Amino acid sequence: MSCLYICNTSSDCISKVNLENFKEESKITLTPINFGKIGPHGICKYNERLLTANSYGNSLSILNIKENREENSFFIGAHCNDIVVYKDYAFIICGELNNVIVFDLIKNKVVEEIPCGNLPHSIALNKEKKLLMISNMENDSITLIDCENRENVKNIKVGCYPTKALFSNDGQHIIVCESNLGSDFKGSISILSSKNYKLLYRITAGNSPVDMFLEGNNCYVSNFGDGTVSIIDIYYYEEIKKINLGGMPRGIVKVEDYIYVGDNYNNLLIKTNIESEIKKSIPIGGEPTGMILV
């Protein structure tokens, strides 16, 4: 059975949760470079290892999951928020530098910095199209970067405070989580054409949506501000269900008939059956944020 690895941002560790018995099996504690806080925030897989982007430590950590330990860490730049890997390069967004840092995982060094928008918060990869996509919260935009020709950069205006942007599974659309953080208005999920980047539809979600998980026609959205998860059909352009979880939902992953959501307020991982809405929860570390299924 798969395991879920979760970044606990305020407690500087990664939880490993066995989904078969819904139990935290172990924690990987991260070591600070300069004795400060680390703040793991984004996570991705690289061969047999995991990589984390650390917001407070301004660093990249390499985790050996077979040995359940941090193998190495490297200084990257101010406020690392998220990370993806293409070939043997890690692409890390730095929220205070407004850059994508390219890190060579063979030579273990920074090789390039690519400007993006202001306050980048998430990064996604389309392997087939060899495209990176960054959501920039402060100037309401997404940035597209060609992985092979990294001088080919395109910035696209979207809605307010986008916290995440994903490519649809068929590659035909771009899905953007527009959080409207700090406003009295609900957030929204926007659907753009990946051919001309025009807005096709905007669907209202909950209060301050911050994260999404795509599977088939459905987009599962964690609404940080009102303790709910919205399930949105991205082809019929409508919210088909809303599940009340409580707390402050952040990272979200769907596995089979369940959604797994990190509650930043209560420091819990919540498991919910999508049909019955029956919930279970277990305590993990502080401020569960980025998640990956391995």
C-alpha atoms as a PDB file:
ATOM      1  CA  MET A   1       0.000   0.000   0.000  1.00  0.00           C
ATOM      2  CA  SER A   2       1.195   3.520  -0.763  1.00  0.00           C
ATOM      3  CA  CYS A   3       2.445   5.932   1.859  1.00  0.00           C
ATOM      4  CA  LEU A   4       1.729   9.648   2.104  1.00  0.00           C
ATOM      5  CA  TYR A   5       4.650  11.938   2.920  1.00  0.00           C
ATOM      6  CA  ILE A   6       3.616  15.283   4.422  1.00  0.00           C
ATOM      7  CA  CYS A   7       5.619  18.472   5.019  1.00  0.00           C
ATOM      8  CA  ASN A   8       5.035  19.745   8.564  1.00  0.00           C
ATOM      9  CA  THR A   9       6.088  23.350   8.048  1.00  0.00           C
ATOM     10  CA  SER A  10       6.190  24.625  11.626  1.00  0.00           C
ATOM     11  CA  SER A  11       7.750  21.513  13.175  1.00  0.00           C
ATOM     12  CA  ASP A  12      10.542  20.971  10.615  1.00  0.00           C
ATOM     13  CA  CYS A  13       9.782  17.340   9.839  1.00  0.00           C
ATOM     14  CA  ILE A  14       8.215  15.065   7.240  1.00  0.00           C
ATOM     15  CA  SER A  15       5.527  12.585   8.337  1.00  0.00           C
ATOM     16  CA  LYS A  16       5.246   9.174   6.690  1.00  0.00           C
ATOM     17  CA  VAL A  17       1.645   7.915   6.896  1.00  0.00           C
ATOM     18  CA  ASN A  18       0.665   4.355   5.997  1.00  0.00           C
ATOM     19  CA  LEU A  19      -2.684   4.653   4.211  1.00  0.00           C
ATOM     20  CA  GLU A  20      -3.685   1.016   4.716  1.00  0.00           C
ATOM     21  CA  ASN A  21      -3.957   1.366   8.489  1.00  0.00           C
ATOM     22  CA  PHE A  22      -4.071   5.198   8.477  1.00  0.00           C
ATOM     23  CA  LYS A  23      -1.212   5.530  10.928  1.00  0.00           C
ATOM     24  CA  GLU A  24       1.851   7.746  11.088  1.00  0.00           C
ATOM     25  CA  GLU A  25       4.714   5.264  10.761  1.00  0.00           C
ATOM     26  CA  SER A  26       7.638   7.623  11.246  1.00  0.00           C
ATOM     27  CA  LYS A  27       9.006  11.142  10.945  1.00  0.00           C
ATOM     28  CA  ILE A  28      12.062  12.440   9.131  1.00  0.00           C
ATOM     29  CA  THR A  29      13.483  15.383  11.081  1.00  0.00           C
ATOM     30  CA  LEU A  30      15.288  18.043   9.038  1.00  0.00           C
ATOM     31  CA  THR A  31      18.541  19.607  10.229  1.00  0.00           C
ATOM     32  CA  PRO A  32      18.917  23.395   9.933  1.00  0.00           C
ATOM     33  CA  ILE A  33      21.900  24.796   8.051  1.00  0.00           C
ATOM     34  CA  ASN A  34      22.343  27.747  10.407  1.00  0.00           C
ATOM     35  CA  PHE A  35      20.468  26.611  13.528  1.00  0.00           C
ATOM     36  CA  GLY A  36      17.236  28.353  12.513  1.00  0.00           C
ATOM     37  CA  LYS A  37      13.794  27.115  11.467  1.00  0.00           C
ATOM     38  CA  ILE A  38      13.553  25.088   8.263  1.00  0.00           C
ATOM     39  CA  GLY A  39       9.874  25.096   7.286  1.00  0.00           C
ATOM     40  CA  PRO A  40       9.452  22.316   4.685  1.00  0.00           C
ATOM     41  CA  HIS A  41       6.695  23.526   2.367  1.00  0.00           C
ATOM     42  CA  GLY A  42       6.820  21.803  -1.046  1.00  0.00           C
ATOM     43  CA  ILE A  43       7.784  18.211  -1.843  1.00  0.00           C
ATOM     44  CA  CYS A  44       8.478  16.076  -4.932  1.00  0.00           C
ATOM     45  CA  LYS A  45      10.016  12.717  -5.901  1.00  0.00           C
ATOM     46  CA  TYR A  46      13.409  12.257  -7.559  1.00  0.00           C
ATOM     47  CA  ASN A  47      14.381   8.669  -8.397  1.00  0.00           C
ATOM     48  CA  GLU A  48      14.317   6.831  -5.040  1.00  0.00           C
ATOM     49  CA  ARG A  49      14.459  10.009  -2.989  1.00  0.00           C
ATOM     50  CA  LEU A  50      12.247  12.908  -1.960  1.00  0.00           C
ATOM     51  CA  LEU A  51      13.139  16.591  -2.247  1.00  0.00           C
ATOM     52  CA  THR A  52      11.666  19.356  -0.105  1.00  0.00           C
ATOM     53  CA  ALA A  53      11.637  23.123  -0.636  1.00  0.00           C
ATOM     54  CA  ASN A  54      12.152  24.759   2.762  1.00  0.00           C
ATOM     55  CA  SER A  55      10.571  28.193   3.264  1.00  0.00           C
ATOM     56  CA  TYR A  56      12.308  29.304   6.466  1.00  0.00           C
ATOM     57  CA  GLY A  57      15.674  27.648   5.890  1.00  0.00           C
ATOM     58  CA  ASN A  58      15.835  28.913   2.285  1.00  0.00           C
ATOM     59  CA  SER A  59      17.054  25.480   1.319  1.00  0.00           C
ATOM     60  CA  LEU A  60      16.564  22.205  -0.522  1.00  0.00           C
ATOM     61  CA  SER A  61      16.610  18.928   1.432  1.00  0.00           C
ATOM     62  CA  ILE A  62      17.278  15.499  -0.082  1.00  0.00           C
ATOM     63  CA  LEU A  63      15.557  12.671   1.809  1.00  0.00           C
ATOM     64  CA  ASN A  64      16.517   9.011   1.703  1.00  0.00           C
ATOM     65  CA  ILE A  65      13.139   7.311   2.255  1.00  0.00           C
ATOM     66  CA  LYS A  66      14.582   3.798   2.448  1.00  0.00           C
ATOM     67  CA  GLU A  67      16.735   4.818   5.390  1.00  0.00           C
ATOM     68  CA  ASN A  68      14.185   7.353   6.688  1.00  0.00           C
ATOM     69  CA  ARG A  69      16.647  10.229   7.002  1.00  0.00           C
ATOM     70  CA  GLU A  70      17.748  13.535   5.536  1.00  0.00           C
ATOM     71  CA  GLU A  71      20.711  12.801   3.285  1.00  0.00           C
ATOM     72  CA  ASN A  72      21.801  16.306   2.379  1.00  0.00           C
ATOM     73  CA  SER A  73      20.692  19.932   2.224  1.00  0.00           C
ATOM     74  CA  PHE A  74      21.740  22.938   0.161  1.00  0.00           C
ATOM     75  CA  PHE A  75      21.168  26.696   0.423  1.00  0.00           C
ATOM     76  CA  ILE A  76      19.015  27.889  -2.489  1.00  0.00           C
ATOM     77  CA  GLY A  77      17.546  31.348  -1.875  1.00  0.00           C
ATOM     78  CA  ALA A  78      15.005  33.333   0.109  1.00  0.00           C
ATOM     79  CA  HIS A  79      11.729  31.573   0.948  1.00  0.00           C
ATOM     80  CA  CYS A  80      11.662  28.342  -1.074  1.00  0.00           C
ATOM     81  CA  ASN A  81       7.986  27.485  -1.579  1.00  0.00           C
ATOM     82  CA  ASP A  82       7.759  24.565  -4.001  1.00  0.00           C
ATOM     83  CA  ILE A  83       9.804  22.223  -6.171  1.00  0.00           C
ATOM     84  CA  VAL A  84       9.577  19.943  -9.237  1.00  0.00           C
ATOM     85  CA  VAL A  85      12.185  17.861 -11.079  1.00  0.00           C
ATOM     86  CA  TYR A  86      12.788  17.639 -14.836  1.00  0.00           C
ATOM     87  CA  LYS A  87      15.543  15.251 -15.913  1.00  0.00           C
ATOM     88  CA  ASP A  88      18.323  15.809 -13.330  1.00  0.00           C
ATOM     89  CA  TYR A  89      17.409  19.392 -12.505  1.00  0.00           C
ATOM     90  CA  ALA A  90      15.336  20.651  -9.590  1.00  0.00           C
ATOM     91  CA  PHE A  91      13.293  23.779 -10.251  1.00  0.00           C
ATOM     92  CA  ILE A  92      12.645  25.618  -6.992  1.00  0.00           C
ATOM     93  CA  ILE A  93      10.559  28.772  -6.629  1.00  0.00           C
ATOM     94  CA  CYS A  94      11.767  31.431  -4.185  1.00  0.00           C
ATOM     95  CA  GLY A  95       8.932  33.616  -2.909  1.00  0.00           C
ATOM     96  CA  GLU A  96      11.108  36.574  -1.919  1.00  0.00           C
ATOM     97  CA  LEU A  97      13.393  36.518  -4.962  1.00  0.00           C
ATOM     98  CA  ASN A  98      10.587  36.180  -7.554  1.00  0.00           C
ATOM     99  CA  ASN A  99      12.775  33.640  -9.321  1.00  0.00           C
ATOM    100  CA  VAL A 100      12.887  29.994 -10.295  1.00  0.00           C
ATOM    101  CA  ILE A 101      16.203  28.534  -9.179  1.00  0.00           C
ATOM    102  CA  VAL A 102      17.598  25.707 -11.322  1.00  0.00           C
ATOM    103  CA  PHE A 103      19.637  23.245  -9.246  1.00  0.00           C
ATOM    104  CA  ASP A 104      21.778  20.535 -10.864  1.00  0.00           C
ATOM    105  CA  LEU A 105      21.142  17.371  -8.844  1.00  0.00           C
ATOM    106  CA  ILE A 106      24.222  15.613 -10.257  1.00  0.00           C
ATOM    107  CA  LYS A 107      26.705  18.407  -9.583  1.00  0.00           C
ATOM    108  CA  ASN A 108      24.805  19.668  -6.500  1.00  0.00           C
ATOM    109  CA  LYS A 109      24.931  23.328  -7.434  1.00  0.00           C
ATOM    110  CA  VAL A 110      22.725  26.180  -8.636  1.00  0.00           C
ATOM    111  CA  VAL A 111      23.155  26.661 -12.384  1.00  0.00           C
ATOM    112  CA  GLU A 112      20.532  29.239 -13.336  1.00  0.00           C
ATOM    113  CA  GLU A 113      17.959  31.738 -12.074  1.00  0.00           C
ATOM    114  CA  ILE A 114      14.831  32.450 -14.145  1.00  0.00           C
ATOM    115  CA  PRO A 115      12.603  35.455 -13.329  1.00  0.00           C
ATOM    116  CA  CYS A 116       8.885  34.748 -12.821  1.00  0.00           C
ATOM    117  CA  GLY A 117       6.081  36.799 -11.250  1.00  0.00           C
ATOM    118  CA  ASN A 118       5.879  38.266  -7.760  1.00  0.00           C
ATOM    119  CA  LEU A 119       5.574  35.949  -4.748  1.00  0.00           C
ATOM    120  CA  PRO A 120       5.587  32.588  -6.569  1.00  0.00           C
ATOM    121  CA  HIS A 121       3.745  30.007  -4.480  1.00  0.00           C
ATOM    122  CA  SER A 122       3.534  26.764  -6.481  1.00  0.00           C
ATOM    123  CA  ILE A 123       5.155  25.102  -9.478  1.00  0.00           C
ATOM    124  CA  ALA A 124       3.844  22.303 -11.724  1.00  0.00           C
ATOM    125  CA  LEU A 125       5.376  20.293 -14.569  1.00  0.00           C
ATOM    126  CA  ASN A 126       3.851  18.992 -17.794  1.00  0.00           C
ATOM    127  CA  LYS A 127       6.370  16.328 -18.871  1.00  0.00           C
ATOM    128  CA  GLU A 128       4.784  15.751 -22.295  1.00  0.00           C
ATOM    129  CA  LYS A 129       4.873  19.440 -23.251  1.00  0.00           C
ATOM    130  CA  LYS A 130       8.113  20.045 -21.299  1.00  0.00           C
ATOM    131  CA  LEU A 131       6.530  23.034 -19.600  1.00  0.00           C
ATOM    132  CA  LEU A 132       6.815  24.487 -16.113  1.00  0.00           C
ATOM    133  CA  MET A 133       3.968  26.532 -14.661  1.00  0.00           C
ATOM    134  CA  ILE A 134       4.272  28.846 -11.659  1.00  0.00           C
ATOM    135  CA  SER A 135       1.459  30.593  -9.798  1.00  0.00           C
ATOM    136  CA  ASN A 136       2.418  34.129  -8.706  1.00  0.00           C
ATOM    137  CA  MET A 137       0.265  35.384  -5.847  1.00  0.00           C
ATOM    138  CA  GLU A 138       1.266  39.031  -5.655  1.00  0.00           C
ATOM    139  CA  ASN A 139       0.735  40.072  -9.266  1.00  0.00           C
ATOM    140  CA  ASP A 140      -2.156  37.724 -10.107  1.00  0.00           C
ATOM    141  CA  SER A 141      -0.392  35.775 -12.835  1.00  0.00           C
ATOM    142  CA  ILE A 142       0.988  32.438 -13.910  1.00  0.00           C
ATOM    143  CA  THR A 143       4.359  31.987 -15.608  1.00  0.00           C
ATOM    144  CA  LEU A 144       5.072  29.309 -18.234  1.00  0.00           C
ATOM    145  CA  ILE A 145       8.690  28.259 -18.851  1.00  0.00           C
ATOM    146  CA  ASP A 146       9.976  25.909 -21.541  1.00  0.00           C
ATOM    147  CA  CYS A 147      12.125  23.251 -19.830  1.00  0.00           C
ATOM    148  CA  GLU A 148      14.396  22.828 -22.856  1.00  0.00           C
ATOM    149  CA  ASN A 149      14.670  26.484 -23.875  1.00  0.00           C
ATOM    150  CA  ARG A 150      14.476  28.281 -20.566  1.00  0.00           C
ATOM    151  CA  GLU A 151      14.611  31.706 -22.203  1.00  0.00           C
ATOM    152  CA  ASN A 152      11.120  31.000 -23.557  1.00  0.00           C
ATOM    153  CA  VAL A 153       8.991  32.512 -20.764  1.00  0.00           C
ATOM    154  CA  LYS A 154       5.343  33.608 -20.920  1.00  0.00           C
ATOM    155  CA  ASN A 155       3.352  35.463 -18.236  1.00  0.00           C
ATOM    156  CA  ILE A 156      -0.466  35.234 -18.194  1.00  0.00           C
ATOM    157  CA  LYS A 157      -2.868  37.323 -16.122  1.00  0.00           C
ATOM    158  CA  VAL A 158      -5.357  35.358 -13.962  1.00  0.00           C
ATOM    159  CA  GLY A 159      -7.624  36.064 -10.962  1.00  0.00           C
ATOM    160  CA  CYS A 160      -6.690  37.316  -7.509  1.00  0.00           C
ATOM    161  CA  TYR A 161      -3.923  35.685  -5.464  1.00  0.00           C
ATOM    162  CA  PRO A 162      -3.445  32.409  -7.358  1.00  0.00           C
ATOM    163  CA  THR A 163      -2.007  29.830  -4.961  1.00  0.00           C
ATOM    164  CA  LYS A 164      -1.789  26.914  -7.378  1.00  0.00           C
ATOM    165  CA  ALA A 165      -2.012  26.123 -11.101  1.00  0.00           C
ATOM    166  CA  LEU A 166      -2.158  22.664 -12.677  1.00  0.00           C
ATOM    167  CA  PHE A 167      -2.321  21.164 -16.158  1.00  0.00           C
ATOM    168  CA  SER A 168      -5.415  19.033 -16.768  1.00  0.00           C
ATOM    169  CA  ASN A 169      -4.772  15.325 -17.284  1.00  0.00           C
ATOM    170  CA  ASP A 170      -5.483  15.560 -21.016  1.00  0.00           C
ATOM    171  CA  GLY A 171      -3.223  18.600 -21.371  1.00  0.00           C
ATOM    172  CA  GLN A 172      -5.982  20.691 -22.958  1.00  0.00           C
ATOM    173  CA  HIS A 173      -6.606  23.014 -20.024  1.00  0.00           C
ATOM    174  CA  ILE A 174      -4.901  24.928 -17.259  1.00  0.00           C
ATOM    175  CA  ILE A 175      -6.664  24.928 -13.896  1.00  0.00           C
ATOM    176  CA  VAL A 176      -5.946  27.882 -11.586  1.00  0.00           C
ATOM    177  CA  CYS A 177      -6.829  28.184  -7.911  1.00  0.00           C
ATOM    178  CA  GLU A 178      -7.638  31.880  -7.363  1.00  0.00           C
ATOM    179  CA  SER A 179      -7.713  32.281  -3.596  1.00  0.00           C
ATOM    180  CA  ASN A 180      -8.895  35.893  -3.128  1.00  0.00           C
ATOM    181  CA  LEU A 181      -6.937  35.781   0.136  1.00  0.00           C
ATOM    182  CA  GLY A 182      -7.712  38.680   2.450  1.00  0.00           C
ATOM    183  CA  SER A 183     -10.993  39.620   0.776  1.00  0.00           C
ATOM    184  CA  ASP A 184     -14.618  39.079   1.761  1.00  0.00           C
ATOM    185  CA  PHE A 185     -15.298  37.248  -1.507  1.00  0.00           C
ATOM    186  CA  LYS A 186     -15.113  33.520  -2.121  1.00  0.00           C
ATOM    187  CA  GLY A 187     -12.285  32.176  -4.197  1.00  0.00           C
ATOM    188  CA  SER A 188     -12.630  30.482  -7.550  1.00  0.00           C
ATOM    189  CA  ILE A 189     -11.252  27.850  -9.886  1.00  0.00           C
ATOM    190  CA  SER A 190     -10.526  29.153 -13.364  1.00  0.00           C
ATOM    191  CA  ILE A 191     -10.198  27.029 -16.475  1.00  0.00           C
ATOM    192  CA  LEU A 192      -7.995  28.303 -19.294  1.00  0.00           C
ATOM    193  CA  SER A 193      -7.314  26.866 -22.731  1.00  0.00           C
ATOM    194  CA  SER A 194      -3.748  25.553 -22.960  1.00  0.00           C
ATOM    195  CA  LYS A 195      -3.742  26.487 -26.673  1.00  0.00           C
ATOM    196  CA  ASN A 196      -4.379  30.234 -26.451  1.00  0.00           C
ATOM    197  CA  TYR A 197      -4.457  30.742 -22.635  1.00  0.00           C
ATOM    198  CA  LYS A 198      -7.890  32.363 -22.799  1.00  0.00           C
ATOM    199  CA  LEU A 199     -10.263  32.078 -19.847  1.00  0.00           C
ATOM    200  CA  LEU A 200     -13.009  29.548 -20.606  1.00  0.00           C
ATOM    201  CA  TYR A 201     -14.874  29.541 -17.302  1.00  0.00           C
ATOM    202  CA  ARG A 202     -14.593  30.597 -13.666  1.00  0.00           C
ATOM    203  CA  ILE A 203     -16.286  28.487 -10.965  1.00  0.00           C
ATOM    204  CA  THR A 204     -16.891  29.745  -7.423  1.00  0.00           C
ATOM    205  CA  ALA A 205     -15.278  27.630  -4.695  1.00  0.00           C
ATOM    206  CA  GLY A 206     -15.150  28.260  -0.934  1.00  0.00           C
ATOM    207  CA  ASN A 207     -13.464  30.876   1.214  1.00  0.00           C
ATOM    208  CA  SER A 208      -9.727  31.134   0.441  1.00  0.00           C
ATOM    209  CA  PRO A 209      -9.112  28.002  -1.650  1.00  0.00           C
ATOM    210  CA  VAL A 210      -5.388  27.210  -1.464  1.00  0.00           C
ATOM    211  CA  ASP A 211      -4.695  23.757  -2.878  1.00  0.00           C
ATOM    212  CA  MET A 212      -6.091  21.375  -5.512  1.00  0.00           C
ATOM    213  CA  PHE A 213      -5.867  17.772  -6.616  1.00  0.00           C
ATOM    214  CA  LEU A 214      -6.973  16.704 -10.101  1.00  0.00           C
ATOM    215  CA  GLU A 215      -8.344  13.272 -11.056  1.00  0.00           C
ATOM    216  CA  GLY A 216     -10.366  12.668 -14.195  1.00  0.00           C
ATOM    217  CA  ASN A 217     -13.083  15.301 -14.547  1.00  0.00           C
ATOM    218  CA  ASN A 218     -12.928  16.348 -10.910  1.00  0.00           C
ATOM    219  CA  CYS A 219     -10.901  18.956  -9.105  1.00  0.00           C
ATOM    220  CA  TYR A 220     -10.725  18.582  -5.312  1.00  0.00           C
ATOM    221  CA  VAL A 221     -10.168  21.975  -3.673  1.00  0.00           C
ATOM    222  CA  SER A 222      -9.191  22.694  -0.068  1.00  0.00           C
ATOM    223  CA  ASN A 223     -10.862  25.885   1.190  1.00  0.00           C
ATOM    224  CA  PHE A 224      -8.578  27.211   3.905  1.00  0.00           C
ATOM    225  CA  GLY A 225     -10.920  29.927   5.139  1.00  0.00           C
ATOM    226  CA  ASP A 226     -14.128  27.967   5.775  1.00  0.00           C
ATOM    227  CA  GLY A 227     -12.976  24.429   6.598  1.00  0.00           C
ATOM    228  CA  THR A 228     -14.447  22.756   3.515  1.00  0.00           C
ATOM    229  CA  VAL A 229     -13.454  20.841   0.397  1.00  0.00           C
ATOM    230  CA  SER A 230     -15.137  21.672  -2.919  1.00  0.00           C
ATOM    231  CA  ILE A 231     -15.449  19.013  -5.621  1.00  0.00           C
ATOM    232  CA  ILE A 232     -15.645  20.720  -9.006  1.00  0.00           C
ATOM    233  CA  ASP A 233     -16.364  19.141 -12.385  1.00  0.00           C
ATOM    234  CA  ILE A 234     -13.939  20.964 -14.673  1.00  0.00           C
ATOM    235  CA  TYR A 235     -15.744  19.907 -17.868  1.00  0.00           C
ATOM    236  CA  TYR A 236     -19.283  20.792 -16.783  1.00  0.00           C
ATOM    237  CA  TYR A 237     -18.009  23.894 -14.965  1.00  0.00           C
ATOM    238  CA  GLU A 238     -19.845  23.362 -11.686  1.00  0.00           C
ATOM    239  CA  GLU A 239     -19.303  22.527  -8.033  1.00  0.00           C
ATOM    240  CA  ILE A 240     -20.905  19.119  -7.568  1.00  0.00           C
ATOM    241  CA  LYS A 241     -20.297  18.669  -3.860  1.00  0.00           C
ATOM    242  CA  LYS A 242     -18.962  20.445  -0.781  1.00  0.00           C
ATOM    243  CA  ILE A 243     -17.645  18.491   2.226  1.00  0.00           C
ATOM    244  CA  ASN A 244     -17.351  20.148   5.630  1.00  0.00           C
ATOM    245  CA  LEU A 245     -14.123  19.212   7.448  1.00  0.00           C
ATOM    246  CA  GLY A 246     -13.579  22.051   9.920  1.00  0.00           C
ATOM    247  CA  GLY A 247     -10.209  23.532  10.809  1.00  0.00           C
ATOM    248  CA  MET A 248      -8.043  25.074   8.092  1.00  0.00           C
ATOM    249  CA  PRO A 249      -7.628  22.622   5.176  1.00  0.00           C
ATOM    250  CA  ARG A 250      -4.363  22.983   3.279  1.00  0.00           C
ATOM    251  CA  GLY A 251      -2.655  20.165   1.333  1.00  0.00           C
ATOM    252  CA  ILE A 252      -5.014  17.685  -0.366  1.00  0.00           C
ATOM    253  CA  VAL A 253      -4.606  14.288  -2.061  1.00  0.00           C
ATOM    254  CA  LYS A 254      -7.228  11.821  -3.342  1.00  0.00           C
ATOM    255  CA  VAL A 255      -6.624   8.064  -3.152  1.00  0.00           C
ATOM    256  CA  GLU A 256      -9.384   5.696  -4.316  1.00  0.00           C
ATOM    257  CA  ASP A 257     -12.603   6.639  -2.444  1.00  0.00           C
ATOM    258  CA  TYR A 258     -10.950   8.963   0.058  1.00  0.00           C
ATOM    259  CA  ILE A 259      -9.519  12.443   0.284  1.00  0.00           C
ATOM    260  CA  TYR A 260      -6.642  13.167   2.648  1.00  0.00           C
ATOM    261  CA  VAL A 261      -6.374  16.754   3.853  1.00  0.00           C
ATOM    262  CA  GLY A 262      -3.887  18.462   6.161  1.00  0.00           C
ATOM    263  CA  ASP A 263      -5.560  20.665   8.785  1.00  0.00           C
ATOM    264  CA  ASN A 264      -3.197  23.568   9.546  1.00  0.00           C
ATOM    265  CA  TYR A 265      -5.194  24.743  12.551  1.00  0.00           C
ATOM    266  CA  ASN A 266      -5.420  21.476  14.494  1.00  0.00           C
ATOM    267  CA  ASN A 267      -2.249  19.837  13.083  1.00  0.00           C
ATOM    268  CA  LEU A 268      -4.190  16.813  11.856  1.00  0.00           C
ATOM    269  CA  LEU A 269      -4.377  14.639   8.770  1.00  0.00           C
ATOM    270  CA  ILE A 270      -8.049  14.083   7.943  1.00  0.00           C
ATOM    271  CA  LYS A 271      -9.249  11.067   5.938  1.00  0.00           C
ATOM    272  CA  THR A 272     -12.757  11.438   4.498  1.00  0.00           C
ATOM    273  CA  ASN A 273     -14.871   9.057   2.455  1.00  0.00           C
ATOM    274  CA  ILE A 274     -16.111  11.106  -0.492  1.00  0.00           C
ATOM    275  CA  GLU A 275     -19.514   9.389  -0.723  1.00  0.00           C
ATOM    276  CA  SER A 276     -20.448   8.968   2.960  1.00  0.00           C
ATOM    277  CA  GLU A 277     -18.370  11.934   4.245  1.00  0.00           C
ATOM    278  CA  ILE A 278     -17.350   9.824   7.271  1.00  0.00           C
ATOM    279  CA  LYS A 279     -14.144  11.288   8.701  1.00  0.00           C
ATOM    280  CA  LYS A 280     -11.162   9.992  10.627  1.00  0.00           C
ATOM    281  CA  SER A 281      -8.164  12.022  11.734  1.00  0.00           C
ATOM    282  CA  ILE A 282      -4.709  11.473  13.196  1.00  0.00           C
ATOM    283  CA  PRO A 283      -2.299  13.995  14.741  1.00  0.00           C
ATOM    284  CA  ILE A 284       0.855  14.708  12.764  1.00  0.00           C
ATOM    285  CA  GLY A 285       3.315  17.621  12.846  1.00  0.00           C
ATOM    286  CA  GLY A 286       2.641  21.345  12.888  1.00  0.00           C
ATOM    287  CA  GLU A 287       1.067  23.010   9.844  1.00  0.00           C
ATOM    288  CA  PRO A 288       0.825  20.072   7.407  1.00  0.00           C
ATOM    289  CA  THR A 289       1.276  21.574   3.946  1.00  0.00           C
ATOM    290  CA  GLY A 290       2.853  19.894   0.906  1.00  0.00           C
ATOM    291  CA  MET A 291       1.985  16.203   0.329  1.00  0.00           C
ATOM    292  CA  ILE A 292       3.091  13.437  -2.015  1.00  0.00           C
ATOM    293  CA  LEU A 293       1.944   9.850  -2.510  1.00  0.00           C
ATOM    294  CA  VAL A 294       4.816   7.346  -2.860  1.00  0.00           C
END
